[in-house]
Amino acid sequence: MGEEMVRAFAAAEMLEVEPAISNAIFDSIHNKRQNFTSRDDLRSIFVANGVDGKKFDSAASSFVVNGMVSQMEKNTMNYKIRGVPALVVNGKYQVNTGSVKSIEELNELVSYLVNLKG
């Protein structure tokens, strides 16, 4: 389901509905304990959140989304991401989220890394 989940995220970005879709997927997985086993399962989340099913189908199989999926998979390999949460800042710094003690500390660290020169 990994590639389909990436494809859903890319389609949501393309359709400019990413925040709502990400929240709906998170809620479905973590609160409602739903499993996604196919693209149709993900399609139902989009439709339930106001996206026309045909627009989802078109976006999910589009050249643009295919390119986004390829780039995301390449980045995952390049940064050696093995789990979540994973955070890479400015394409250079991978944050060890286990090293921070609070969301405030994480925000400070990310802000610091964003502002580093070089």
PDB file of N, CA and C in Angstrom:
ATOM      1  N   MET A   1       0.818  -1.198   0.000  1.00  0.00           N
ATOM      2  CA  MET A   1       0.000   0.000   0.000  1.00  0.00           C
ATOM      3  C   MET A   1       0.859   1.258   0.000  1.00  0.00           C
ATOM      4  N   GLY A   2       2.153   1.119   0.233  1.00  0.00           N
ATOM      5  CA  GLY A   2       3.035   2.272   0.319  1.00  0.00           C
ATOM      6  C   GLY A   2       2.987   3.179  -0.890  1.00  0.00           C
ATOM      7  N   GLU A   3       3.152   2.604  -2.087  1.00  0.00           N
ATOM      8  CA  GLU A   3       3.162   3.452  -3.280  1.00  0.00           C
ATOM      9  C   GLU A   3       1.801   4.100  -3.510  1.00  0.00           C
ATOM     10  N   GLU A   4       0.730   3.388  -3.238  1.00  0.00           N
ATOM     11  CA  GLU A   4      -0.602   3.977  -3.414  1.00  0.00           C
ATOM     12  C   GLU A   4      -0.836   5.117  -2.429  1.00  0.00           C
ATOM     13  N   MET A   5      -0.294   4.992  -1.217  1.00  0.00           N
ATOM     14  CA  MET A   5      -0.436   6.073  -0.234  1.00  0.00           C
ATOM     15  C   MET A   5       0.349   7.299  -0.707  1.00  0.00           C
ATOM     16  N   VAL A   6       1.541   7.069  -1.260  1.00  0.00           N
ATOM     17  CA  VAL A   6       2.337   8.168  -1.824  1.00  0.00           C
ATOM     18  C   VAL A   6       1.576   8.798  -2.986  1.00  0.00           C
ATOM     19  N   ARG A   7       0.992   7.954  -3.824  1.00  0.00           N
ATOM     20  CA  ARG A   7       0.226   8.443  -4.977  1.00  0.00           C
ATOM     21  C   ARG A   7      -0.972   9.280  -4.509  1.00  0.00           C
ATOM     22  N   ALA A   8      -1.628   8.842  -3.441  1.00  0.00           N
ATOM     23  CA  ALA A   8      -2.767   9.601  -2.907  1.00  0.00           C
ATOM     24  C   ALA A   8      -2.310  10.973  -2.416  1.00  0.00           C
ATOM     25  N   PHE A   9      -1.173  11.005  -1.725  1.00  0.00           N
ATOM     26  CA  PHE A   9      -0.646  12.284  -1.246  1.00  0.00           C
ATOM     27  C   PHE A   9      -0.325  13.201  -2.429  1.00  0.00           C
ATOM     28  N   ALA A  10       0.324  12.642  -3.462  1.00  0.00           N
ATOM     29  CA  ALA A  10       0.678  13.440  -4.639  1.00  0.00           C
ATOM     30  C   ALA A  10      -0.581  13.943  -5.352  1.00  0.00           C
ATOM     31  N   ALA A  11      -1.583  13.085  -5.475  1.00  0.00           N
ATOM     32  CA  ALA A  11      -2.838  13.497  -6.116  1.00  0.00           C
ATOM     33  C   ALA A  11      -3.512  14.602  -5.302  1.00  0.00           C
ATOM     34  N   ALA A  12      -3.473  14.477  -3.986  1.00  0.00           N
ATOM     35  CA  ALA A  12      -4.056  15.509  -3.122  1.00  0.00           C
ATOM     36  C   ALA A  12      -3.333  16.836  -3.305  1.00  0.00           C
ATOM     37  N   GLU A  13      -2.007  16.776  -3.438  1.00  0.00           N
ATOM     38  CA  GLU A  13      -1.234  18.003  -3.698  1.00  0.00           C
ATOM     39  C   GLU A  13      -1.661  18.619  -5.028  1.00  0.00           C
ATOM     40  N   MET A  14      -1.748  17.779  -6.053  1.00  0.00           N
ATOM     41  CA  MET A  14      -2.096  18.268  -7.382  1.00  0.00           C
ATOM     42  C   MET A  14      -3.502  18.880  -7.398  1.00  0.00           C
ATOM     43  N   LEU A  15      -4.418  18.263  -6.675  1.00  0.00           N
ATOM     44  CA  LEU A  15      -5.800  18.739  -6.638  1.00  0.00           C
ATOM     45  C   LEU A  15      -6.022  19.837  -5.597  1.00  0.00           C
ATOM     46  N   GLU A  16      -4.944  20.199  -4.901  1.00  0.00           N
ATOM     47  CA  GLU A  16      -4.963  21.256  -3.885  1.00  0.00           C
ATOM     48  C   GLU A  16      -5.951  20.973  -2.751  1.00  0.00           C
ATOM     49  N   VAL A  17      -5.956  19.703  -2.313  1.00  0.00           N
ATOM     50  CA  VAL A  17      -6.804  19.295  -1.188  1.00  0.00           C
ATOM     51  C   VAL A  17      -5.987  18.532  -0.144  1.00  0.00           C
ATOM     52  N   GLU A  18      -4.673  18.705  -0.175  1.00  0.00           N
ATOM     53  CA  GLU A  18      -3.798  17.892   0.676  1.00  0.00           C
ATOM     54  C   GLU A  18      -4.104  17.983   2.165  1.00  0.00           C
ATOM     55  N   PRO A  19      -4.277  19.167   2.750  1.00  0.00           N
ATOM     56  CA  PRO A  19      -4.524  19.183   4.204  1.00  0.00           C
ATOM     57  C   PRO A  19      -5.753  18.368   4.610  1.00  0.00           C
ATOM     58  N   ALA A  20      -6.849  18.545   3.903  1.00  0.00           N
ATOM     59  CA  ALA A  20      -8.081  17.822   4.242  1.00  0.00           C
ATOM     60  C   ALA A  20      -7.916  16.321   4.044  1.00  0.00           C
ATOM     61  N   ILE A  21      -7.272  15.926   2.959  1.00  0.00           N
ATOM     62  CA  ILE A  21      -7.099  14.498   2.672  1.00  0.00           C
ATOM     63  C   ILE A  21      -6.133  13.869   3.663  1.00  0.00           C
ATOM     64  N   SER A  22      -5.030  14.545   3.961  1.00  0.00           N
ATOM     65  CA  SER A  22      -4.082  14.007   4.948  1.00  0.00           C
ATOM     66  C   SER A  22      -4.757  13.806   6.297  1.00  0.00           C
ATOM     67  N   ASN A  23      -5.544  14.786   6.721  1.00  0.00           N
ATOM     68  CA  ASN A  23      -6.266  14.663   7.992  1.00  0.00           C
ATOM     69  C   ASN A  23      -7.264  13.511   7.956  1.00  0.00           C
ATOM     70  N   ALA A  24      -7.973  13.363   6.842  1.00  0.00           N
ATOM     71  CA  ALA A  24      -8.966  12.289   6.719  1.00  0.00           C
ATOM     72  C   ALA A  24      -8.299  10.915   6.722  1.00  0.00           C
ATOM     73  N   ILE A  25      -7.170  10.782   6.037  1.00  0.00           N
ATOM     74  CA  ILE A  25      -6.452   9.504   6.023  1.00  0.00           C
ATOM     75  C   ILE A  25      -5.916   9.195   7.413  1.00  0.00           C
ATOM     76  N   PHE A  26      -5.326  10.186   8.066  1.00  0.00           N
ATOM     77  CA  PHE A  26      -4.816   9.988   9.426  1.00  0.00           C
ATOM     78  C   PHE A  26      -5.945   9.527  10.346  1.00  0.00           C
ATOM     79  N   ASP A  27      -7.075  10.218  10.297  1.00  0.00           N
ATOM     80  CA  ASP A  27      -8.215   9.868  11.142  1.00  0.00           C
ATOM     81  C   ASP A  27      -8.700   8.450  10.845  1.00  0.00           C
ATOM     82  N   SER A  28      -8.779   8.104   9.574  1.00  0.00           N
ATOM     83  CA  SER A  28      -9.245   6.769   9.194  1.00  0.00           C
ATOM     84  C   SER A  28      -8.323   5.674   9.709  1.00  0.00           C
ATOM     85  N   ILE A  29      -7.025   5.895   9.609  1.00  0.00           N
ATOM     86  CA  ILE A  29      -6.058   4.877  10.034  1.00  0.00           C
ATOM     87  C   ILE A  29      -5.947   4.811  11.549  1.00  0.00           C
ATOM     88  N   HIS A  30      -5.755   5.951  12.181  1.00  0.00           N
ATOM     89  CA  HIS A  30      -5.404   5.957  13.604  1.00  0.00           C
ATOM     90  C   HIS A  30      -6.596   6.012  14.556  1.00  0.00           C
ATOM     91  N   ASN A  31      -7.687   6.602  14.140  1.00  0.00           N
ATOM     92  CA  ASN A  31      -8.846   6.698  15.029  1.00  0.00           C
ATOM     93  C   ASN A  31      -9.934   5.676  14.699  1.00  0.00           C
ATOM     94  N   LYS A  32     -10.169   5.473  13.410  1.00  0.00           N
ATOM     95  CA  LYS A  32     -11.225   4.541  12.999  1.00  0.00           C
ATOM     96  C   LYS A  32     -10.690   3.136  12.743  1.00  0.00           C
ATOM     97  N   ARG A  33      -9.363   2.998  12.769  1.00  0.00           N
ATOM     98  CA  ARG A  33      -8.693   1.702  12.580  1.00  0.00           C
ATOM     99  C   ARG A  33      -9.039   1.044  11.243  1.00  0.00           C
ATOM    100  N   GLN A  34      -9.180   1.860  10.207  1.00  0.00           N
ATOM    101  CA  GLN A  34      -9.470   1.335   8.878  1.00  0.00           C
ATOM    102  C   GLN A  34      -8.176   0.953   8.179  1.00  0.00           C
ATOM    103  N   ASN A  35      -8.261  -0.072   7.358  1.00  0.00           N
ATOM    104  CA  ASN A  35      -7.130  -0.487   6.536  1.00  0.00           C
ATOM    105  C   ASN A  35      -7.403  -0.088   5.094  1.00  0.00           C
ATOM    106  N   PHE A  36      -6.379   0.342   4.421  1.00  0.00           N
ATOM    107  CA  PHE A  36      -6.481   0.657   3.003  1.00  0.00           C
ATOM    108  C   PHE A  36      -5.732  -0.423   2.242  1.00  0.00           C
ATOM    109  N   THR A  37      -6.438  -1.091   1.340  1.00  0.00           N
ATOM    110  CA  THR A  37      -5.803  -2.179   0.600  1.00  0.00           C
ATOM    111  C   THR A  37      -5.751  -1.922  -0.899  1.00  0.00           C
ATOM    112  N   SER A  38      -6.345  -0.826  -1.343  1.00  0.00           N
ATOM    113  CA  SER A  38      -6.371  -0.561  -2.783  1.00  0.00           C
ATOM    114  C   SER A  38      -6.509   0.935  -3.058  1.00  0.00           C
ATOM    115  N   ARG A  39      -6.323   1.274  -4.313  1.00  0.00           N
ATOM    116  CA  ARG A  39      -6.529   2.659  -4.732  1.00  0.00           C
ATOM    117  C   ARG A  39      -7.995   3.057  -4.553  1.00  0.00           C
ATOM    118  N   ASP A  40      -8.903   2.107  -4.743  1.00  0.00           N
ATOM    119  CA  ASP A  40     -10.327   2.411  -4.551  1.00  0.00           C
ATOM    120  C   ASP A  40     -10.629   2.812  -3.113  1.00  0.00           C
ATOM    121  N   ASP A  41      -9.945   2.181  -2.152  1.00  0.00           N
ATOM    122  CA  ASP A  41     -10.130   2.570  -0.748  1.00  0.00           C
ATOM    123  C   ASP A  41      -9.724   4.029  -0.544  1.00  0.00           C
ATOM    124  N   LEU A  42      -8.607   4.409  -1.135  1.00  0.00           N
ATOM    125  CA  LEU A  42      -8.140   5.792  -1.019  1.00  0.00           C
ATOM    126  C   LEU A  42      -9.058   6.742  -1.787  1.00  0.00           C
ATOM    127  N   ARG A  43      -9.535   6.290  -2.926  1.00  0.00           N
ATOM    128  CA  ARG A  43     -10.474   7.094  -3.723  1.00  0.00           C
ATOM    129  C   ARG A  43     -11.690   7.461  -2.883  1.00  0.00           C
ATOM    130  N   SER A  44     -12.166   6.509  -2.085  1.00  0.00           N
ATOM    131  CA  SER A  44     -13.358   6.768  -1.267  1.00  0.00           C
ATOM    132  C   SER A  44     -13.122   7.901  -0.266  1.00  0.00           C
ATOM    133  N   ILE A  45     -11.890   8.038   0.232  1.00  0.00           N
ATOM    134  CA  ILE A  45     -11.556   9.144   1.140  1.00  0.00           C
ATOM    135  C   ILE A  45     -11.663  10.478   0.397  1.00  0.00           C
ATOM    136  N   PHE A  46     -11.142  10.506  -0.829  1.00  0.00           N
ATOM    137  CA  PHE A  46     -11.216  11.732  -1.625  1.00  0.00           C
ATOM    138  C   PHE A  46     -12.674  12.111  -1.887  1.00  0.00           C
ATOM    139  N   VAL A  47     -13.470  11.128  -2.307  1.00  0.00           N
ATOM    140  CA  VAL A  47     -14.876  11.387  -2.618  1.00  0.00           C
ATOM    141  C   VAL A  47     -15.622  11.860  -1.371  1.00  0.00           C
ATOM    142  N   ALA A  48     -15.354  11.218  -0.231  1.00  0.00           N
ATOM    143  CA  ALA A  48     -16.006  11.608   1.027  1.00  0.00           C
ATOM    144  C   ALA A  48     -15.626  13.023   1.450  1.00  0.00           C
ATOM    145  N   ASN A  49     -14.516  13.527   0.898  1.00  0.00           N
ATOM    146  CA  ASN A  49     -14.060  14.879   1.235  1.00  0.00           C
ATOM    147  C   ASN A  49     -14.265  15.860   0.086  1.00  0.00           C
ATOM    148  N   GLY A  50     -15.236  15.560  -0.781  1.00  0.00           N
ATOM    149  CA  GLY A  50     -15.674  16.515  -1.784  1.00  0.00           C
ATOM    150  C   GLY A  50     -14.957  16.504  -3.117  1.00  0.00           C
ATOM    151  N   VAL A  51     -14.060  15.537  -3.341  1.00  0.00           N
ATOM    152  CA  VAL A  51     -13.352  15.464  -4.626  1.00  0.00           C
ATOM    153  C   VAL A  51     -14.134  14.539  -5.556  1.00  0.00           C
ATOM    154  N   ASP A  52     -14.406  15.000  -6.754  1.00  0.00           N
ATOM    155  CA  ASP A  52     -15.075  14.171  -7.751  1.00  0.00           C
ATOM    156  C   ASP A  52     -14.221  12.932  -8.030  1.00  0.00           C
ATOM    157  N   GLY A  53     -14.846  11.769  -8.039  1.00  0.00           N
ATOM    158  CA  GLY A  53     -14.128  10.517  -8.251  1.00  0.00           C
ATOM    159  C   GLY A  53     -13.352  10.487  -9.555  1.00  0.00           C
ATOM    160  N   LYS A  54     -13.930  11.055 -10.613  1.00  0.00           N
ATOM    161  CA  LYS A  54     -13.245  11.075 -11.909  1.00  0.00           C
ATOM    162  C   LYS A  54     -12.009  11.971 -11.861  1.00  0.00           C
ATOM    163  N   LYS A  55     -12.096  13.067 -11.106  1.00  0.00           N
ATOM    164  CA  LYS A  55     -10.922  13.940 -10.963  1.00  0.00           C
ATOM    165  C   LYS A  55      -9.809  13.217 -10.204  1.00  0.00           C
ATOM    166  N   PHE A  56     -10.185  12.450  -9.166  1.00  0.00           N
ATOM    167  CA  PHE A  56      -9.176  11.663  -8.451  1.00  0.00           C
ATOM    168  C   PHE A  56      -8.540  10.654  -9.390  1.00  0.00           C
ATOM    169  N   ASP A  57      -9.366   9.909 -10.137  1.00  0.00           N
ATOM    170  CA  ASP A  57      -8.843   8.891 -11.052  1.00  0.00           C
ATOM    171  C   ASP A  57      -7.871   9.501 -12.051  1.00  0.00           C
ATOM    172  N   SER A  58      -8.257  10.631 -12.611  1.00  0.00           N
ATOM    173  CA  SER A  58      -7.415  11.312 -13.593  1.00  0.00           C
ATOM    174  C   SER A  58      -6.102  11.771 -12.967  1.00  0.00           C
ATOM    175  N   ALA A  59      -6.189  12.384 -11.792  1.00  0.00           N
ATOM    176  CA  ALA A  59      -4.976  12.866 -11.116  1.00  0.00           C
ATOM    177  C   ALA A  59      -4.071  11.709 -10.727  1.00  0.00           C
ATOM    178  N   ALA A  60      -4.647  10.649 -10.156  1.00  0.00           N
ATOM    179  CA  ALA A  60      -3.846   9.528  -9.647  1.00  0.00           C
ATOM    180  C   ALA A  60      -3.067   8.822 -10.743  1.00  0.00           C
ATOM    181  N   SER A  61      -3.556   8.880 -11.975  1.00  0.00           N
ATOM    182  CA  SER A  61      -2.854   8.205 -13.065  1.00  0.00           C
ATOM    183  C   SER A  61      -2.153   9.182 -14.007  1.00  0.00           C
ATOM    184  N   SER A  62      -2.066  10.442 -13.618  1.00  0.00           N
ATOM    185  CA  SER A  62      -1.493  11.466 -14.494  1.00  0.00           C
ATOM    186  C   SER A  62       0.035  11.421 -14.530  1.00  0.00           C
ATOM    187  N   PHE A  63       0.572  11.995 -15.583  1.00  0.00           N
ATOM    188  CA  PHE A  63       2.020  12.117 -15.747  1.00  0.00           C
ATOM    189  C   PHE A  63       2.626  12.908 -14.593  1.00  0.00           C
ATOM    190  N   VAL A  64       1.957  13.972 -14.191  1.00  0.00           N
ATOM    191  CA  VAL A  64       2.460  14.825 -13.105  1.00  0.00           C
ATOM    192  C   VAL A  64       2.558  14.036 -11.807  1.00  0.00           C
ATOM    193  N   VAL A  65       1.501  13.315 -11.459  1.00  0.00           N
ATOM    194  CA  VAL A  65       1.518  12.532 -10.218  1.00  0.00           C
ATOM    195  C   VAL A  65       2.541  11.404 -10.315  1.00  0.00           C
ATOM    196  N   ASN A  66       2.649  10.759 -11.467  1.00  0.00           N
ATOM    197  CA  ASN A  66       3.678   9.719 -11.627  1.00  0.00           C
ATOM    198  C   ASN A  66       5.067  10.290 -11.364  1.00  0.00           C
ATOM    199  N   GLY A  67       5.320  11.491 -11.858  1.00  0.00           N
ATOM    200  CA  GLY A  67       6.606  12.147 -11.614  1.00  0.00           C
ATOM    201  C   GLY A  67       6.811  12.482 -10.150  1.00  0.00           C
ATOM    202  N   MET A  68       5.756  12.956  -9.499  1.00  0.00           N
ATOM    203  CA  MET A  68       5.849  13.274  -8.070  1.00  0.00           C
ATOM    204  C   MET A  68       6.137  12.015  -7.257  1.00  0.00           C
ATOM    205  N   VAL A  69       5.465  10.914  -7.600  1.00  0.00           N
ATOM    206  CA  VAL A  69       5.684   9.644  -6.895  1.00  0.00           C
ATOM    207  C   VAL A  69       7.129   9.197  -7.065  1.00  0.00           C
ATOM    208  N   SER A  70       7.642   9.271  -8.279  1.00  0.00           N
ATOM    209  CA  SER A  70       9.038   8.886  -8.526  1.00  0.00           C
ATOM    210  C   SER A  70       9.995   9.737  -7.708  1.00  0.00           C
ATOM    211  N   GLN A  71       9.758  11.040  -7.667  1.00  0.00           N
ATOM    212  CA  GLN A  71      10.632  11.936  -6.907  1.00  0.00           C
ATOM    213  C   GLN A  71      10.555  11.642  -5.415  1.00  0.00           C
ATOM    214  N   MET A  72       9.359  11.392  -4.902  1.00  0.00           N
ATOM    215  CA  MET A  72       9.206  11.079  -3.476  1.00  0.00           C
ATOM    216  C   MET A  72       9.920   9.777  -3.121  1.00  0.00           C
ATOM    217  N   GLU A  73       9.801   8.773  -3.988  1.00  0.00           N
ATOM    218  CA  GLU A  73      10.481   7.498  -3.733  1.00  0.00           C
ATOM    219  C   GLU A  73      11.995   7.674  -3.789  1.00  0.00           C
ATOM    220  N   LYS A  74      12.471   8.479  -4.734  1.00  0.00           N
ATOM    221  CA  LYS A  74      13.906   8.762  -4.836  1.00  0.00           C
ATOM    222  C   LYS A  74      14.398   9.465  -3.576  1.00  0.00           C
ATOM    223  N   ASN A  75      13.651  10.461  -3.111  1.00  0.00           N
ATOM    224  CA  ASN A  75      14.038  11.174  -1.888  1.00  0.00           C
ATOM    225  C   ASN A  75      14.060  10.241  -0.683  1.00  0.00           C
ATOM    226  N   THR A  76      13.093   9.344  -0.599  1.00  0.00           N
ATOM    227  CA  THR A  76      13.045   8.384   0.505  1.00  0.00           C
ATOM    228  C   THR A  76      14.306   7.528   0.516  1.00  0.00           C
ATOM    229  N   MET A  77      14.736   7.082  -0.648  1.00  0.00           N
ATOM    230  CA  MET A  77      15.962   6.274  -0.734  1.00  0.00           C
ATOM    231  C   MET A  77      17.193   7.119  -0.437  1.00  0.00           C
ATOM    232  N   ASN A  78      17.276   8.306  -1.019  1.00  0.00           N
ATOM    233  CA  ASN A  78      18.450   9.162  -0.827  1.00  0.00           C
ATOM    234  C   ASN A  78      18.648   9.559   0.629  1.00  0.00           C
ATOM    235  N   TYR A  79      17.556   9.818   1.333  1.00  0.00           N
ATOM    236  CA  TYR A  79      17.657  10.224   2.734  1.00  0.00           C
ATOM    237  C   TYR A  79      17.619   9.036   3.692  1.00  0.00           C
ATOM    238  N   LYS A  80      17.518   7.823   3.112  1.00  0.00           N
ATOM    239  CA  LYS A  80      17.503   6.585   3.907  1.00  0.00           C
ATOM    240  C   LYS A  80      16.395   6.606   4.963  1.00  0.00           C
ATOM    241  N   ILE A  81      15.241   7.055   4.556  1.00  0.00           N
ATOM    242  CA  ILE A  81      14.095   7.111   5.463  1.00  0.00           C
ATOM    243  C   ILE A  81      13.517   5.712   5.596  1.00  0.00           C
ATOM    244  N   ARG A  82      13.416   5.258   6.841  1.00  0.00           N
ATOM    245  CA  ARG A  82      12.924   3.911   7.112  1.00  0.00           C
ATOM    246  C   ARG A  82      11.619   3.905   7.900  1.00  0.00           C
ATOM    247  N   GLY A  83      11.195   5.064   8.368  1.00  0.00           N
ATOM    248  CA  GLY A  83       9.969   5.116   9.155  1.00  0.00           C
ATOM    249  C   GLY A  83       9.495   6.545   9.308  1.00  0.00           C
ATOM    250  N   VAL A  84       8.441   6.696  10.055  1.00  0.00           N
ATOM    251  CA  VAL A  84       7.885   8.019  10.302  1.00  0.00           C
ATOM    252  C   VAL A  84       7.783   8.257  11.796  1.00  0.00           C
ATOM    253  N   PRO A  85       7.830   9.467  12.264  1.00  0.00           N
ATOM    254  CA  PRO A  85       7.959  10.657  11.430  1.00  0.00           C
ATOM    255  C   PRO A  85       9.394  10.844  10.943  1.00  0.00           C
ATOM    256  N   ALA A  86       9.531  11.356   9.763  1.00  0.00           N
ATOM    257  CA  ALA A  86      10.836  11.680   9.196  1.00  0.00           C
ATOM    258  C   ALA A  86      10.763  13.116   8.691  1.00  0.00           C
ATOM    259  N   LEU A  87      11.783  13.881   8.982  1.00  0.00           N
ATOM    260  CA  LEU A  87      11.766  15.294   8.639  1.00  0.00           C
ATOM    261  C   LEU A  87      13.118  15.680   8.065  1.00  0.00           C
ATOM    262  N   VAL A  88      13.109  16.182   6.829  1.00  0.00           N
ATOM    263  CA  VAL A  88      14.324  16.653   6.172  1.00  0.00           C
ATOM    264  C   VAL A  88      14.133  18.140   5.910  1.00  0.00           C
ATOM    265  N   VAL A  89      15.097  18.947   6.341  1.00  0.00           N
ATOM    266  CA  VAL A  89      15.004  20.402   6.228  1.00  0.00           C
ATOM    267  C   VAL A  89      15.963  20.887   5.151  1.00  0.00           C
ATOM    268  N   ASN A  90      15.448  21.695   4.236  1.00  0.00           N
ATOM    269  CA  ASN A  90      16.236  22.286   3.145  1.00  0.00           C
ATOM    270  C   ASN A  90      16.976  21.244   2.310  1.00  0.00           C
ATOM    271  N   GLY A  91      16.466  20.030   2.271  1.00  0.00           N
ATOM    272  CA  GLY A  91      17.108  18.987   1.483  1.00  0.00           C
ATOM    273  C   GLY A  91      18.471  18.581   1.993  1.00  0.00           C
ATOM    274  N   LYS A  92      18.845  19.018   3.205  1.00  0.00           N
ATOM    275  CA  LYS A  92      20.186  18.771   3.737  1.00  0.00           C
ATOM    276  C   LYS A  92      20.198  18.082   5.082  1.00  0.00           C
ATOM    277  N   TYR A  93      19.308  18.471   5.958  1.00  0.00           N
ATOM    278  CA  TYR A  93      19.386  18.058   7.357  1.00  0.00           C
ATOM    279  C   TYR A  93      18.220  17.144   7.708  1.00  0.00           C
ATOM    280  N   GLN A  94      18.554  15.926   8.133  1.00  0.00           N
ATOM    281  CA  GLN A  94      17.511  15.019   8.586  1.00  0.00           C
ATOM    282  C   GLN A  94      17.431  15.109  10.102  1.00  0.00           C
ATOM    283  N   VAL A  95      16.256  15.446  10.594  1.00  0.00           N
ATOM    284  CA  VAL A  95      16.055  15.643  12.024  1.00  0.00           C
ATOM    285  C   VAL A  95      15.818  14.291  12.692  1.00  0.00           C
ATOM    286  N   ASN A  96      16.565  14.040  13.759  1.00  0.00           N
ATOM    287  CA  ASN A  96      16.343  12.857  14.578  1.00  0.00           C
ATOM    288  C   ASN A  96      15.242  13.217  15.570  1.00  0.00           C
ATOM    289  N   THR A  97      14.009  12.878  15.232  1.00  0.00           N
ATOM    290  CA  THR A  97      12.876  13.301  16.057  1.00  0.00           C
ATOM    291  C   THR A  97      12.905  12.679  17.449  1.00  0.00           C
ATOM    292  N   GLY A  98      13.641  11.591  17.609  1.00  0.00           N
ATOM    293  CA  GLY A  98      13.770  10.981  18.929  1.00  0.00           C
ATOM    294  C   GLY A  98      14.640  11.789  19.869  1.00  0.00           C
ATOM    295  N   SER A  99      15.363  12.759  19.325  1.00  0.00           N
ATOM    296  CA  SER A  99      16.280  13.553  20.152  1.00  0.00           C
ATOM    297  C   SER A  99      15.621  14.786  20.762  1.00  0.00           C
ATOM    298  N   VAL A 100      14.399  15.086  20.356  1.00  0.00           N
ATOM    299  CA  VAL A 100      13.714  16.253  20.910  1.00  0.00           C
ATOM    300  C   VAL A 100      12.683  15.814  21.946  1.00  0.00           C
ATOM    301  N   LYS A 101      12.472  16.676  22.924  1.00  0.00           N
ATOM    302  CA  LYS A 101      11.608  16.308  24.046  1.00  0.00           C
ATOM    303  C   LYS A 101      10.199  16.891  23.960  1.00  0.00           C
ATOM    304  N   SER A 102       9.996  17.850  23.052  1.00  0.00           N
ATOM    305  CA  SER A 102       8.679  18.475  22.949  1.00  0.00           C
ATOM    306  C   SER A 102       8.495  19.038  21.547  1.00  0.00           C
ATOM    307  N   ILE A 103       7.264  19.357  21.218  1.00  0.00           N
ATOM    308  CA  ILE A 103       6.975  19.966  19.927  1.00  0.00           C
ATOM    309  C   ILE A 103       7.619  21.344  19.830  1.00  0.00           C
ATOM    310  N   GLU A 104       7.702  22.040  20.955  1.00  0.00           N
ATOM    311  CA  GLU A 104       8.351  23.355  20.963  1.00  0.00           C
ATOM    312  C   GLU A 104       9.832  23.221  20.621  1.00  0.00           C
ATOM    313  N   GLU A 105      10.484  22.208  21.202  1.00  0.00           N
ATOM    314  CA  GLU A 105      11.901  21.975  20.915  1.00  0.00           C
ATOM    315  C   GLU A 105      12.092  21.588  19.449  1.00  0.00           C
ATOM    316  N   LEU A 106      11.181  20.793  18.909  1.00  0.00           N
ATOM    317  CA  LEU A 106      11.245  20.427  17.497  1.00  0.00           C
ATOM    318  C   LEU A 106      11.090  21.671  16.629  1.00  0.00           C
ATOM    319  N   ASN A 107      10.139  22.523  16.959  1.00  0.00           N
ATOM    320  CA  ASN A 107       9.945  23.766  16.199  1.00  0.00           C
ATOM    321  C   ASN A 107      11.195  24.638  16.230  1.00  0.00           C
ATOM    322  N   GLU A 108      11.824  24.748  17.391  1.00  0.00           N
ATOM    323  CA  GLU A 108      13.057  25.544  17.507  1.00  0.00           C
ATOM    324  C   GLU A 108      14.169  24.953  16.649  1.00  0.00           C
ATOM    325  N   LEU A 109      14.323  23.628  16.693  1.00  0.00           N
ATOM    326  CA  LEU A 109      15.366  22.972  15.910  1.00  0.00           C
ATOM    327  C   LEU A 109      15.133  23.170  14.417  1.00  0.00           C
ATOM    328  N   VAL A 110      13.911  22.969  13.969  1.00  0.00           N
ATOM    329  CA  VAL A 110      13.602  23.138  12.550  1.00  0.00           C
ATOM    330  C   VAL A 110      13.811  24.586  12.128  1.00  0.00           C
ATOM    331  N   SER A 111      13.380  25.533  12.936  1.00  0.00           N
ATOM    332  CA  SER A 111      13.597  26.955  12.619  1.00  0.00           C
ATOM    333  C   SER A 111      15.081  27.266  12.500  1.00  0.00           C
ATOM    334  N   TYR A 112      15.867  26.729  13.415  1.00  0.00           N
ATOM    335  CA  TYR A 112      17.317  26.928  13.372  1.00  0.00           C
ATOM    336  C   TYR A 112      17.886  26.370  12.067  1.00  0.00           C
ATOM    337  N   LEU A 113      17.491  25.144  11.702  1.00  0.00           N
ATOM    338  CA  LEU A 113      18.017  24.515  10.488  1.00  0.00           C
ATOM    339  C   LEU A 113      17.568  25.245   9.231  1.00  0.00           C
ATOM    340  N   VAL A 114      16.350  25.730   9.223  1.00  0.00           N
ATOM    341  CA  VAL A 114      15.838  26.478   8.067  1.00  0.00           C
ATOM    342  C   VAL A 114      16.684  27.720   7.822  1.00  0.00           C
ATOM    343  N   ASN A 115      17.141  28.344   8.887  1.00  0.00           N
ATOM    344  CA  ASN A 115      17.882  29.601   8.770  1.00  0.00           C
ATOM    345  C   ASN A 115      19.388  29.438   8.628  1.00  0.00           C
ATOM    346  N   LEU A 116      19.896  28.197   8.667  1.00  0.00           N
ATOM    347  CA  LEU A 116      21.335  27.985   8.480  1.00  0.00           C
ATOM    348  C   LEU A 116      21.743  28.369   7.069  1.00  0.00           C
ATOM    349  N   LYS A 117      22.881  28.965   6.942  1.00  0.00           N
ATOM    350  CA  LYS A 117      23.422  29.324   5.627  1.00  0.00           C
ATOM    351  C   LYS A 117      24.390  28.228   5.194  1.00  0.00           C
ATOM    352  N   GLY A 118      24.418  27.989   3.878  1.00  0.00           N
ATOM    353  CA  GLY A 118      25.416  27.049   3.378  1.00  0.00           C
ATOM    354  C   GLY A 118      24.913  25.835   2.860  1.00  0.00           C
TER     355      GLY A 118
END
